[in-house]
Protein backbone atom coordinates (compact mmCIF):
# COMPACT_ATOMS: atom_id res chain seq x y z
CA MET A 1 -0.14 -0.17 0.14
CA SER A 2 2.71 2.73 -1.00
CA GLY A 3 3.29 5.42 -3.79
CA THR A 4 4.86 8.58 -4.26
CA ALA A 5 2.02 11.69 -3.96
CA ALA A 6 0.33 13.31 -0.97
CA GLY A 7 -2.49 15.35 0.01
CA LEU A 8 -5.67 14.48 -1.89
CA ALA A 9 -9.09 16.04 -0.26
CA ARG A 10 -12.55 14.10 -1.56
CA ALA A 11 -13.80 16.77 -3.30
CA TYR A 12 -12.56 14.56 -6.46
CA ALA A 13 -15.42 11.80 -5.39
CA LYS A 14 -19.05 12.48 -5.93
CA ARG A 15 -21.54 12.42 -9.13
CA TRP A 16 -21.39 14.56 -12.00
CA LEU A 17 -24.04 14.92 -14.99
CA TRP A 18 -22.38 17.12 -17.57
CA LYS A 19 -24.98 20.09 -16.79
CA ALA A 20 -24.32 22.42 -19.73
CA ALA A 21 -22.51 19.37 -22.32
CA ALA A 22 -25.06 16.77 -21.53
CA PRO A 23 -27.18 17.59 -24.50
CA VAL A 24 -24.50 17.45 -26.71
CA ALA A 25 -21.48 15.54 -25.84
CA VAL A 26 -23.74 12.70 -24.34
CA PRO A 27 -25.58 11.35 -27.02
CA MET A 28 -22.60 11.73 -29.38
CA PHE A 29 -20.47 9.68 -26.92
CA CYS A 30 -23.54 7.21 -26.95
CA VAL A 31 -23.79 6.86 -30.94
CA LEU A 32 -19.97 6.50 -31.35
CA THR A 33 -20.30 4.16 -28.32
CA LEU A 34 -23.06 2.08 -29.89
CA LEU A 35 -21.54 1.87 -33.04
CA LEU A 36 -17.49 1.18 -32.44
CA ILE A 37 -18.07 -1.44 -29.74
CA PRO A 38 -18.94 -4.30 -31.15
CA LEU A 39 -16.34 -4.08 -34.25
CA ALA A 40 -13.69 -3.61 -31.27
CA VAL A 41 -14.38 -6.55 -29.16
CA LEU A 42 -14.52 -8.55 -32.50
CA ALA A 43 -11.10 -7.35 -33.85
CA ALA A 44 -9.22 -6.31 -30.99
CA PRO A 45 -10.73 -6.78 -27.59
CA ALA A 46 -7.49 -5.96 -25.72
CA ALA A 47 -6.60 -2.81 -27.53
CA SER A 48 -10.06 -1.91 -27.42
CA THR A 49 -10.22 -2.01 -23.18
CA ALA A 50 -6.95 0.13 -23.37
CA ALA A 51 -8.39 2.81 -25.08
CA ALA A 52 -11.56 2.80 -23.47
CA SER A 53 -9.37 3.43 -19.66
CA ALA A 54 -7.30 6.08 -21.28
CA ALA A 55 -10.11 8.11 -22.70
CA CYS A 56 -12.04 8.20 -19.38
CA SER A 57 -11.47 9.54 -16.02
CA ILE A 58 -13.28 10.41 -12.79
CA GLY A 59 -13.74 13.73 -14.92
CA GLY A 60 -15.75 12.44 -17.09
CA THR A 61 -15.53 12.04 -21.13
CA GLY A 62 -14.37 15.12 -22.17
CA ALA A 63 -16.77 18.20 -23.09
CA THR A 64 -16.28 21.19 -25.48
CA VAL A 65 -17.04 24.25 -23.67
CA ALA A 66 -16.74 28.35 -25.26
CA GLY A 67 -15.78 26.03 -28.85
CA ILE A 68 -12.57 24.66 -26.99
CA GLU A 69 -12.14 21.12 -26.77
CA LEU A 70 -11.65 19.49 -23.44
CA ASP A 71 -10.16 16.39 -23.01
CA ALA A 72 -11.08 13.75 -20.20
CA VAL A 73 -7.96 14.74 -18.06
CA GLN A 74 -8.31 18.72 -18.31
CA MET A 75 -12.31 18.42 -17.27
CA GLY A 76 -10.73 16.10 -14.40
CA HIS A 77 -8.24 18.87 -13.49
CA ALA A 78 -11.19 21.59 -13.75
CA ARG A 79 -13.71 19.79 -11.57
CA THR A 80 -11.01 19.50 -8.86
CA ILE A 81 -10.51 23.20 -9.07
CA ALA A 82 -14.22 24.18 -8.61
CA ASP A 83 -14.45 21.04 -6.10
CA VAL A 84 -11.80 22.68 -3.62
CA ALA A 85 -13.35 26.20 -4.27
CA ALA A 86 -16.91 25.12 -2.81
CA ALA A 87 -15.21 23.28 -0.16
CA ARG A 88 -13.53 26.01 0.91
CA GLY A 89 -17.13 28.16 1.56
CA LEU A 90 -15.64 30.18 -1.84
CA ASP A 91 -18.48 31.30 -4.13
CA ALA A 92 -18.58 30.48 -8.17
CA TYR A 93 -16.18 33.64 -9.46
CA ALA A 94 -13.26 32.01 -7.03
CA ALA A 95 -13.75 28.96 -9.60
CA THR A 96 -13.79 31.47 -12.51
CA VAL A 97 -10.69 33.36 -11.83
CA ALA A 98 -8.79 30.14 -10.83
CA LEU A 99 -10.31 28.15 -14.01
CA ALA A 100 -8.70 31.01 -16.21
CA THR A 101 -5.81 31.15 -14.75
CA ALA A 102 -5.16 27.41 -14.98
CA TYR A 103 -6.01 27.51 -18.73
CA GLN A 104 -3.58 30.03 -19.60
CA GLU A 105 -0.59 29.09 -17.25
CA SER A 106 -1.02 24.94 -18.58
CA ARG A 107 -3.76 24.53 -20.45
CA ILE A 108 -5.39 22.98 -16.95
CA ARG A 109 -2.69 20.27 -17.16
CA MET A 110 -0.89 18.99 -14.33
CA LEU A 111 2.72 19.73 -15.92
CA ALA A 112 5.98 18.50 -14.59
CA ASN A 113 9.74 20.23 -14.90
CA ASP A 114 12.66 18.72 -16.12
CA GLY A 115 14.52 21.78 -14.54
CA SER A 116 16.45 22.67 -17.90
CA SER A 117 15.79 26.60 -17.28
CA HIS A 118 18.78 28.57 -17.54
CA GLU A 119 17.70 30.36 -15.01
CA LEU A 120 18.11 27.59 -12.16
CA THR A 121 21.39 26.61 -10.18
CA GLY A 122 22.15 23.08 -10.44
CA GLU A 123 21.09 22.56 -7.13
CA GLN A 124 17.60 23.89 -8.05
CA ALA A 125 17.07 22.32 -11.46
CA ALA A 126 17.98 19.09 -9.30
CA VAL A 127 15.04 19.76 -7.08
CA THR A 128 12.75 20.94 -9.75
CA ALA A 129 13.03 18.03 -11.87
CA THR A 130 11.82 15.57 -8.75
CA SER A 131 8.45 16.67 -10.19
CA LEU A 132 8.86 13.99 -12.84
CA GLN A 133 8.48 11.34 -10.09
CA TYR A 134 4.69 12.35 -9.65
CA PRO A 135 1.81 11.78 -12.04
CA HIS A 136 1.81 14.34 -14.75
CA ASP A 137 -0.05 15.20 -17.90
CA GLY A 138 3.02 16.96 -19.76
CA LEU A 139 6.38 18.64 -19.32
CA GLY A 140 7.34 22.62 -19.04
CA SER A 141 10.86 23.97 -18.23
CA ASP A 142 9.84 27.71 -16.85
CA HIS A 143 12.18 28.39 -14.48
CA ASP A 144 10.77 26.48 -11.37
CA SER A 145 7.19 26.41 -12.50
CA VAL A 146 5.38 22.96 -11.73
CA ASN A 147 1.36 22.03 -11.80
CA THR A 148 -1.77 23.47 -13.45
CA PHE A 149 -1.31 27.19 -12.17
CA GLN A 150 2.88 26.75 -12.81
CA GLN A 151 3.39 27.38 -9.17
CA ARG A 152 6.88 28.22 -8.27
CA TRP A 153 8.67 25.80 -5.19
CA LEU A 154 11.58 28.70 -4.92
CA ALA A 155 8.55 31.40 -4.88
CA GLY A 156 7.46 29.59 -1.34
CA TRP A 157 4.21 28.23 -3.08
CA GLY A 158 4.98 24.67 -1.60
CA THR A 159 7.29 21.88 -1.82
CA VAL A 160 7.65 20.56 -5.53
CA ALA A 161 5.84 17.10 -3.72
CA GLU A 162 2.36 19.14 -2.42
CA LEU A 163 2.73 21.61 -5.78
CA MET A 164 2.47 18.04 -7.46
CA ASP A 165 -0.78 17.36 -6.21
CA PRO A 166 -3.84 18.72 -8.07
CA VAL A 167 -5.60 19.23 -4.98
CA TYR A 168 -3.00 21.36 -3.03
CA ALA A 169 -2.56 23.19 -5.95
CA ALA A 170 -5.82 24.69 -6.14
CA GLU A 171 -6.18 25.43 -2.39
CA ALA A 172 -2.84 27.45 -2.70
CA PHE A 173 -4.24 29.57 -5.35
CA TYR A 174 -7.20 30.04 -3.21
CA ARG A 175 -5.14 31.00 -0.27
CA ARG A 176 -3.52 33.80 -2.31
CA LEU A 177 -6.71 34.85 -3.90
CA VAL A 178 -8.70 35.46 -0.85
CA GLU A 179 -5.77 37.77 0.48
CA VAL A 180 -6.27 39.70 -2.47
CA PRO A 181 -8.32 43.15 -1.78
CA ASP A 182 -11.86 43.41 -2.99
CA TRP A 183 -10.99 39.79 -5.32
CA GLN A 184 -14.66 39.01 -5.70
CA THR A 185 -15.37 42.96 -7.31
CA VAL A 186 -12.31 43.47 -9.20
CA PRO A 187 -12.04 42.12 -12.95
CA LEU A 188 -10.75 38.51 -13.63
CA THR A 189 -7.52 39.41 -15.16
CA GLN A 190 -6.82 41.66 -11.88
CA ALA A 191 -7.89 39.50 -9.70
CA ALA A 192 -5.31 36.54 -11.20
CA GLN A 193 -2.29 38.93 -11.96
CA ALA A 194 -2.60 39.50 -8.42
CA VAL A 195 -2.28 35.86 -7.35
CA GLN A 196 0.29 35.13 -10.30
CA ILE A 197 2.18 38.05 -10.64
CA SER A 198 2.77 37.55 -14.20
CA ALA A 199 4.74 38.64 -17.33
CA ALA A 200 1.66 38.51 -19.53
CA GLY A 201 -1.01 39.60 -16.58
CA ASP A 202 -3.65 40.49 -19.35
CA ALA A 203 -3.28 37.44 -21.10
CA TYR A 204 -6.16 35.85 -18.23
CA ALA A 205 -8.99 37.87 -20.00
CA ARG A 206 -8.87 35.65 -22.78
CA TRP A 207 -10.16 32.93 -21.36
CA ALA A 208 -12.99 34.38 -19.20
CA GLN A 209 -15.57 33.04 -21.18
CA LEU A 210 -14.09 29.52 -21.10
CA ALA A 211 -13.90 30.12 -17.38
CA ARG A 212 -17.23 31.11 -16.66
CA GLU A 213 -19.32 28.27 -18.71
CA LEU A 214 -16.92 25.90 -16.87
CA THR A 215 -18.08 27.07 -13.75
CA ALA A 216 -21.69 27.24 -14.62
CA MET A 217 -20.94 23.14 -15.68
CA LEU A 218 -19.39 22.38 -12.88
CA TRP A 219 -20.56 24.68 -9.73
CA PRO A 220 -24.18 22.68 -8.96
CA ALA A 221 -21.77 18.94 -8.37
CA ALA A 222 -19.20 21.00 -6.75
CA GLN A 223 -21.34 22.66 -4.33
CA ALA A 224 -23.31 19.17 -3.67
CA THR A 225 -19.85 17.55 -2.66
CA ALA A 226 -19.17 20.02 -0.33
CA ALA A 227 -22.42 19.76 1.31
CA ASP A 228 -21.82 15.92 1.69
CA PRO A 229 -18.49 14.55 0.64
CA GLY A 230 -19.33 10.71 1.45
CA GLY A 231 -21.21 8.19 -0.22
CA THR A 232 -20.95 6.11 -3.58
CA VAL A 233 -20.25 8.44 -6.70
CA ALA A 234 -21.80 8.17 -10.29
CA GLY A 235 -19.55 5.94 -12.87
CA VAL A 236 -19.73 8.76 -15.63
CA CYS A 237 -17.14 6.45 -17.01
CA PRO A 238 -18.52 3.51 -19.45
CA ASP A 239 -18.00 -0.42 -18.48
CA LEU A 240 -15.37 -2.03 -20.57
CA PRO A 241 -16.88 -4.99 -22.97
CA VAL A 242 -15.54 -8.00 -21.77
CA PRO A 243 -16.04 -11.43 -22.77
CA ALA A 244 -17.91 -13.60 -20.45
CA GLY A 245 -15.94 -15.27 -18.19
CA SER A 246 -12.80 -13.88 -18.89
CA TRP A 247 -10.28 -11.68 -16.20
CA ILE A 248 -8.71 -8.68 -17.18
CA ARG A 249 -5.90 -6.14 -15.65
CA PRO A 250 -8.09 -4.20 -13.89
CA THR A 251 -6.46 -0.95 -14.51
CA ALA A 252 -4.07 1.10 -16.36
CA GLY A 253 -0.48 2.10 -14.51
CA SER A 254 3.09 0.17 -13.68
CA VAL A 255 3.61 -2.24 -10.81
CA THR A 256 5.47 -0.30 -8.44
CA SER A 257 5.01 -2.80 -5.47
CA GLY A 258 4.63 -6.71 -5.57
CA TYR A 259 3.77 -9.00 -3.21
CA GLY A 260 5.74 -10.37 -0.54
CA PRO A 261 7.25 -8.92 3.10
CA ARG A 262 7.43 -5.60 3.63
CA GLY A 263 8.58 -3.86 7.19
CA GLY A 264 8.08 -6.54 9.18
CA ALA A 265 4.72 -7.08 7.70
CA LEU A 266 2.90 -8.89 4.40
CA HIS A 267 1.78 -6.72 1.62
CA ALA A 268 -1.22 -9.26 0.31
CA GLY A 269 -1.31 -7.48 -2.98
CA VAL A 270 0.50 -5.69 -5.67
CA ASP A 271 0.53 -2.03 -6.26
CA ILE A 272 -0.32 -0.54 -9.49
CA ALA A 273 0.34 3.30 -9.83
CA GLY A 274 -1.31 5.39 -12.80
CA PRO A 275 -2.19 9.22 -12.89
CA ARG A 276 -5.21 10.12 -9.82
CA ASP A 277 -8.53 8.65 -10.66
CA THR A 278 -7.35 6.13 -13.13
CA PRO A 279 -10.67 3.79 -13.75
CA VAL A 280 -10.60 0.90 -11.75
CA TYR A 281 -12.73 -1.96 -13.38
CA ALA A 282 -13.57 -5.62 -11.93
CA ALA A 283 -11.26 -7.89 -13.12
CA ALA A 284 -13.27 -10.58 -13.40
CA ASP A 285 -17.45 -11.29 -12.95
CA GLY A 286 -18.68 -11.01 -9.16
CA THR A 287 -21.01 -10.00 -6.69
CA VAL A 288 -19.95 -6.80 -4.53
CA VAL A 289 -19.19 -7.91 -1.05
CA THR A 290 -17.60 -4.60 0.12
CA ALA A 291 -17.70 -0.96 -1.03
CA ALA A 292 -17.23 1.13 1.92
CA CYS A 293 -14.39 3.57 3.44
CA THR A 294 -12.81 1.11 5.89
CA SER A 295 -10.27 3.52 7.39
CA ALA A 296 -10.97 6.91 9.79
CA TYR A 297 -11.23 8.99 6.86
CA CYS A 298 -11.32 8.68 3.29
CA ASP A 299 -12.36 12.67 2.22
CA ARG A 300 -8.46 13.04 1.36
CA ASP A 301 -5.66 11.63 1.04
CA GLY A 302 -4.13 9.04 3.81
CA SER A 303 -0.84 8.17 4.95
CA LEU A 304 1.51 5.55 7.07
CA SER A 305 0.04 6.39 10.13
CA LEU A 306 -3.45 5.83 9.08
CA ALA A 307 -4.84 2.31 9.10
CA GLY A 308 -7.21 0.60 6.68
CA TYR A 309 -7.68 0.31 2.92
CA GLY A 310 -9.40 3.68 2.64
CA ASN A 311 -12.16 3.34 0.07
CA LEU A 312 -12.08 -0.33 -0.59
CA VAL A 313 -14.36 -2.67 -3.05
CA GLU A 314 -14.31 -6.16 -2.39
CA LEU A 315 -15.46 -8.94 -5.09
CA ASP A 316 -16.66 -12.01 -4.52
CA HIS A 317 -15.96 -14.31 -7.68
CA GLY A 318 -17.30 -17.76 -6.32
CA GLY A 319 -15.31 -20.67 -5.77
CA GLY A 320 -13.42 -19.09 -2.50
CA VAL A 321 -12.05 -16.33 -4.71
CA THR A 322 -12.15 -12.57 -3.89
CA THR A 323 -10.64 -9.97 -5.11
CA ARG A 324 -9.86 -6.45 -3.37
CA TYR A 325 -9.08 -2.57 -4.94
CA ALA A 326 -8.28 -0.58 -2.08
CA HIS A 327 -7.09 3.48 -1.90
CA LEU A 328 -9.86 4.31 -4.08
CA SER A 329 -10.18 8.08 -4.41
CA ALA A 330 -13.81 7.06 -4.75
CA TYR A 331 -15.78 4.01 -5.38
CA THR A 332 -18.90 3.80 -7.69
CA ALA A 333 -20.16 -0.05 -6.60
CA THR A 334 -22.46 -0.84 -4.14
CA ALA A 335 -22.96 -3.85 -1.65
CA GLY A 336 -24.99 -6.69 -2.97
CA GLN A 337 -24.64 -5.23 -6.55
CA ARG A 338 -23.45 -7.91 -9.36
CA VAL A 339 -21.21 -6.77 -11.46
CA SER A 340 -19.64 -8.34 -14.69
CA ALA A 341 -15.51 -8.15 -15.52
CA GLY A 342 -14.60 -4.56 -17.01
CA ALA A 343 -17.29 -3.01 -14.61
CA LEU A 344 -16.49 0.69 -13.34
CA LEU A 345 -15.61 0.04 -9.42
CA GLY A 346 -14.03 3.34 -8.64
CA PHE A 347 -10.97 5.36 -9.23
CA GLN A 348 -7.30 5.08 -8.29
CA GLY A 349 -6.52 7.12 -5.23
CA SER A 350 -4.35 7.39 -2.23
CA THR A 351 -6.81 6.94 0.94
CA GLY A 352 -6.02 4.97 3.83
CA ASN A 353 -2.62 3.40 4.46
CA SER A 354 -1.26 4.89 1.45
CA THR A 355 1.86 7.90 0.59
CA GLY A 356 0.68 7.81 -2.90
CA VAL A 357 -1.73 7.16 -5.85
CA HIS A 358 -2.11 3.87 -6.94
CA LEU A 359 -4.52 1.00 -6.88
CA HIS A 360 -4.04 -2.04 -4.18
CA LEU A 361 -5.21 -5.28 -5.96
CA GLU A 362 -5.51 -7.90 -3.76
CA VAL A 363 -6.46 -12.41 -4.70
CA ARG A 364 -7.71 -14.32 -2.22
CA LEU A 365 -8.56 -17.67 -1.83
CA ASP A 366 -10.93 -18.53 0.85
CA GLY A 367 -10.04 -15.49 2.75
CA ALA A 368 -6.01 -16.31 2.53
CA SER A 369 -3.80 -13.94 0.09
CA VAL A 370 -2.11 -15.07 -2.76
CA ASP A 371 0.17 -13.43 -5.23
CA PRO A 372 -2.19 -11.59 -8.16
CA VAL A 373 0.96 -11.52 -10.50
CA PRO A 374 0.75 -15.42 -11.29
CA TRP A 375 -2.33 -16.48 -10.28
CA LEU A 376 -3.32 -13.94 -12.54
CA ALA A 377 -1.11 -14.98 -15.45
CA ASP A 378 -2.50 -18.37 -15.06
CA ARG A 379 -5.87 -16.86 -16.56
CA GLY A 380 -4.05 -14.63 -19.60
CA VAL A 381 -3.30 -11.55 -17.26
CA ASP A 382 -0.04 -9.62 -17.48
CA LEU A 383 -0.30 -7.04 -14.81
CA HIS A 384 2.98 -6.32 -15.80
CA ALA A 385 1.36 -4.66 -18.54
CA ALA A 386 0.78 -1.04 -18.98
CA THR A 387 -2.86 -0.95 -20.23
CA VAL A 388 -6.24 -2.86 -19.09
CA ALA A 389 -6.51 -5.56 -21.38
CA GLY A 390 -7.06 -9.48 -21.02
């Protein structure tokens, strides 16, 4: 149960019904799905499952906002920015300022930095380059700037590890925004520039309409999340097309820790680390035994001092075989539910006894854990592959 990032708020985890985009995006997506899935299953099931995983996140499946196409990754980060504003008790204008800023600075992507700027000393470059160790959507090289807001650790925004957490990045932005005199009434560009102190301070106004429409789309769900952060989230991603009776790799990402002894205890599963909120699917047909927070709290990232799996889904596959999916940022299943292989169960997170974003996967036979790697290999599943596939 290990990983590499820190500090999640449960703001990621609540239903989102694509308010403004639904009339266009959902019908188009459904039509494409109905047309493409049968062909994909017949021709290349492994490729289709991988593509489905890569194209979806807890943020949804993308949307066109103010004439600009935003993919699932961008929409996921946008949702986080709105959720954090609502969780802090701020109004919708705060989210609008933040979203315009994030689009100008990074196109709403979590950017790492390779430290190649000639403005940095060797030591500063090395520290900046540690951002590459954390989940990111692309690479930047502007001074020591990182993340969606291009915040600088040398300017006191936080440590590189903190800044590479999308929730911390949004919180850091809002902490400085509320210190701006009259921030709620000044023009968007003025408010954003007071926080960012950018060389191109007038640029934020270009994205005001995008930010307003994004906020209108996201704000109702953000307020609902702030009011009730617990419970099962709505599954906004489609299930994977998997042949009946098959076993699949349940999530995308790299194996970062295997089964066996760790620190005097048994690490009873295998860790697969991908970007935060990477979808997690049922490895095979089964019945949901558990879908719950199993730690003292699951509304934010856990730590090694916190006991439990965090958000956990456990499936009973019959014949004494069960699988566990732990540390989820949110789960979409409910206890007693019958699911098929490829059904969406939740999203990779870092809740419970965890120090970074990943899926902790266990396979148990009559209650006793076994090494998932060889057990699933015997069923045609390669956990060391990078993508979701049977």
